[in-house]
Structures are given as structure tokens and as C-alpha cells.
Amino acid sequence: MALTQNKPVLKENNTVLVFLENSVQKDLVRENSTRILSLLHRALDNYHIRIKTEIRQQDKKQKAYLPKDKLKELIKKNPHIRTLKDELDLDLDYN
């Protein structure tokens, strides 16, 4: 379970707010909450910590699968790639 997209936030009353991406992650946190809390209690020597979860809707980014789409994404990040492609006369239409 990867919860690295959003950092947890410490709220008042020893509550840790964990932002999740979907309900599957929420179920996993709920199923493992006893173990998670046990680890936090011991590691922080604080037995009053509680976990609260919140699903945060994020913009779904369409992943580039085709070579042309990948090139467009690369050019967005670094426009010099277009120059390199043009200078080398590269063609992405291959079969």
C-alpha cells in the first residue's frame, strides 16, 4: 500500500489525518489500523494518537502509452527534445 502521495497532517487532539486516493486504501488502513497505531504509540511514546482518513480526489492524469504521446509529454517537460528530434530527423511511425 503506497501512501506516499500525500503527507499525513497532525491535527489537534493527537489526531493524524491521512489523505488517501481511494476507498481501497481506506479499507486497507482500517484493516491494519491496530498494527499502525501500535507502531505509532511505541515509536512516538504517545498512546493518545488516533488516525483519521480522508479520501482526496486527485486529477487523474492520462498515462502516455503510445510513442507519440510519450514524445508529447517529454516535449512538455523539455522543449529542446523537439529540436533534437527534428535535427536527427527521427520518426516515431514505425511498425
C-alpha atoms as a PDB file:
ATOM      1  CA  MET A   1       0.000   0.000   0.000  1.00  0.00           C
ATOM      2  CA  ALA A   2       1.611   3.237  -1.120  1.00  0.00           C
ATOM      3  CA  LEU A   3       0.584   6.192   0.974  1.00  0.00           C
ATOM      4  CA  THR A   4       3.385   8.445  -0.168  1.00  0.00           C
ATOM      5  CA  GLN A   5       1.329  10.700  -2.444  1.00  0.00           C
ATOM      6  CA  ASN A   6       0.143  12.876   0.428  1.00  0.00           C
ATOM      7  CA  LYS A   7       1.905  13.567   3.691  1.00  0.00           C
ATOM      8  CA  PRO A   8      -0.106  12.957   6.858  1.00  0.00           C
ATOM      9  CA  VAL A   9      -1.088  16.041   8.831  1.00  0.00           C
ATOM     10  CA  LEU A  10      -1.007  16.275  12.610  1.00  0.00           C
ATOM     11  CA  LYS A  11      -4.265  17.802  13.811  1.00  0.00           C
ATOM     12  CA  GLU A  12      -5.369  18.821  17.280  1.00  0.00           C
ATOM     13  CA  ASN A  13      -6.063  16.259  19.997  1.00  0.00           C
ATOM     14  CA  ASN A  14      -3.279  13.921  18.793  1.00  0.00           C
ATOM     15  CA  THR A  15      -5.127  13.106  15.576  1.00  0.00           C
ATOM     16  CA  VAL A  16      -3.175  12.214  12.464  1.00  0.00           C
ATOM     17  CA  LEU A  17      -5.063  12.931   9.262  1.00  0.00           C
ATOM     18  CA  VAL A  18      -4.053  10.602   6.423  1.00  0.00           C
ATOM     19  CA  PHE A  19      -5.123  11.542   2.918  1.00  0.00           C
ATOM     20  CA  LEU A  20      -5.931   8.597   0.673  1.00  0.00           C
ATOM     21  CA  GLU A  21      -6.585   8.248  -3.020  1.00  0.00           C
ATOM     22  CA  ASN A  22      -9.442   5.771  -2.988  1.00  0.00           C
ATOM     23  CA  SER A  23     -11.702   3.572  -0.883  1.00  0.00           C
ATOM     24  CA  VAL A  24      -9.427   0.542  -1.316  1.00  0.00           C
ATOM     25  CA  GLN A  25      -6.663   2.363   0.542  1.00  0.00           C
ATOM     26  CA  LYS A  26      -9.174   3.419   3.188  1.00  0.00           C
ATOM     27  CA  ASP A  27     -10.184  -0.212   3.713  1.00  0.00           C
ATOM     28  CA  LEU A  28      -6.533  -1.260   3.977  1.00  0.00           C
ATOM     29  CA  VAL A  29      -5.804   1.399   6.570  1.00  0.00           C
ATOM     30  CA  ARG A  30      -8.910   0.401   8.518  1.00  0.00           C
ATOM     31  CA  GLU A  31      -7.939  -3.292   8.416  1.00  0.00           C
ATOM     32  CA  ASN A  32      -4.415  -2.512   9.617  1.00  0.00           C
ATOM     33  CA  SER A  33      -5.219   0.352  11.974  1.00  0.00           C
ATOM     34  CA  THR A  34      -4.476  -1.675  15.112  1.00  0.00           C
ATOM     35  CA  ARG A  35      -0.971  -2.504  13.899  1.00  0.00           C
ATOM     36  CA  ILE A  36      -0.360   1.021  12.600  1.00  0.00           C
ATOM     37  CA  LEU A  37      -1.472   2.596  15.869  1.00  0.00           C
ATOM     38  CA  SER A  38       0.551   0.143  17.908  1.00  0.00           C
ATOM     39  CA  LEU A  39       3.691   1.054  15.972  1.00  0.00           C
ATOM     40  CA  LEU A  40       2.992   4.786  16.279  1.00  0.00           C
ATOM     41  CA  HIS A  41       2.239   4.541  20.004  1.00  0.00           C
ATOM     42  CA  ARG A  42       5.518   2.785  20.717  1.00  0.00           C
ATOM     43  CA  ALA A  43       7.681   4.779  18.301  1.00  0.00           C
ATOM     44  CA  LEU A  44       6.404   8.151  19.497  1.00  0.00           C
ATOM     45  CA  ASP A  45       5.775   7.152  23.101  1.00  0.00           C
ATOM     46  CA  ASN A  46       2.342   8.693  22.753  1.00  0.00           C
ATOM     47  CA  TYR A  47      -0.624   6.436  23.456  1.00  0.00           C
ATOM     48  CA  HIS A  48      -3.246   9.069  22.659  1.00  0.00           C
ATOM     49  CA  ILE A  49      -2.695   9.148  18.893  1.00  0.00           C
ATOM     50  CA  ARG A  50      -5.680   8.499  16.666  1.00  0.00           C
ATOM     51  CA  ILE A  51      -5.836   8.078  12.901  1.00  0.00           C
ATOM     52  CA  LYS A  52      -8.428   9.759  10.742  1.00  0.00           C
ATOM     53  CA  THR A  53      -8.598   9.120   7.000  1.00  0.00           C
ATOM     54  CA  GLU A  54      -9.902  11.290   4.215  1.00  0.00           C
ATOM     55  CA  ILE A  55     -10.186  10.441   0.531  1.00  0.00           C
ATOM     56  CA  ARG A  56      -8.719  13.241  -1.540  1.00  0.00           C
ATOM     57  CA  GLN A  57      -9.855  13.288  -5.125  1.00  0.00           C
ATOM     58  CA  GLN A  58      -6.942  13.968  -7.409  1.00  0.00           C
ATOM     59  CA  ASP A  59      -6.937  14.840 -11.050  1.00  0.00           C
ATOM     60  CA  LYS A  60      -6.489  11.664 -12.988  1.00  0.00           C
ATOM     61  CA  LYS A  61      -3.590  12.084 -15.314  1.00  0.00           C
ATOM     62  CA  GLN A  62      -3.838  10.105 -18.525  1.00  0.00           C
ATOM     63  CA  LYS A  63      -0.747   7.965 -18.866  1.00  0.00           C
ATOM     64  CA  ALA A  64       1.030   8.129 -22.207  1.00  0.00           C
ATOM     65  CA  TYR A  65       1.296   4.665 -23.746  1.00  0.00           C
ATOM     66  CA  LEU A  66       1.964   5.327 -27.408  1.00  0.00           C
ATOM     67  CA  PRO A  67       5.339   6.652 -28.609  1.00  0.00           C
ATOM     68  CA  LYS A  68       3.758   9.853 -29.972  1.00  0.00           C
ATOM     69  CA  ASP A  69       2.043  10.512 -26.640  1.00  0.00           C
ATOM     70  CA  LYS A  70       5.261   9.857 -24.742  1.00  0.00           C
ATOM     71  CA  LEU A  71       7.091  12.283 -27.008  1.00  0.00           C
ATOM     72  CA  LYS A  72       4.461  14.972 -26.381  1.00  0.00           C
ATOM     73  CA  GLU A  73       4.881  14.540 -22.632  1.00  0.00           C
ATOM     74  CA  LEU A  74       8.661  14.744 -22.909  1.00  0.00           C
ATOM     75  CA  ILE A  75       8.435  17.882 -25.063  1.00  0.00           C
ATOM     76  CA  LYS A  76       6.170  19.492 -22.433  1.00  0.00           C
ATOM     77  CA  LYS A  77       8.864  18.845 -19.836  1.00  0.00           C
ATOM     78  CA  ASN A  78      11.781  19.839 -22.077  1.00  0.00           C
ATOM     79  CA  PRO A  79      11.100  21.707 -25.361  1.00  0.00           C
ATOM     80  CA  HIS A  80      14.680  21.029 -26.547  1.00  0.00           C
ATOM     81  CA  ILE A  81      13.663  17.440 -27.209  1.00  0.00           C
ATOM     82  CA  ARG A  82      11.627  18.633 -30.209  1.00  0.00           C
ATOM     83  CA  THR A  83      14.747  20.323 -31.595  1.00  0.00           C
ATOM     84  CA  LEU A  84      16.754  17.148 -31.086  1.00  0.00           C
ATOM     85  CA  LYS A  85      14.063  15.047 -32.769  1.00  0.00           C
ATOM     86  CA  ASP A  86      13.926  17.445 -35.733  1.00  0.00           C
ATOM     87  CA  GLU A  87      17.705  17.744 -36.100  1.00  0.00           C
ATOM     88  CA  LEU A  88      18.149  13.975 -36.051  1.00  0.00           C
ATOM     89  CA  ASP A  89      15.139  13.536 -38.335  1.00  0.00           C
ATOM     90  CA  LEU A  90      13.610  10.938 -36.035  1.00  0.00           C
ATOM     91  CA  ASP A  91      10.310   9.328 -36.946  1.00  0.00           C
ATOM     92  CA  LEU A  92       8.025   7.642 -34.435  1.00  0.00           C
ATOM     93  CA  ASP A  93       5.768   5.996 -37.017  1.00  0.00           C
ATOM     94  CA  TYR A  94       7.219   2.540 -37.010  1.00  0.00           C
ATOM     95  CA  ASN A  95       5.569  -0.864 -37.239  1.00  0.00           C
END
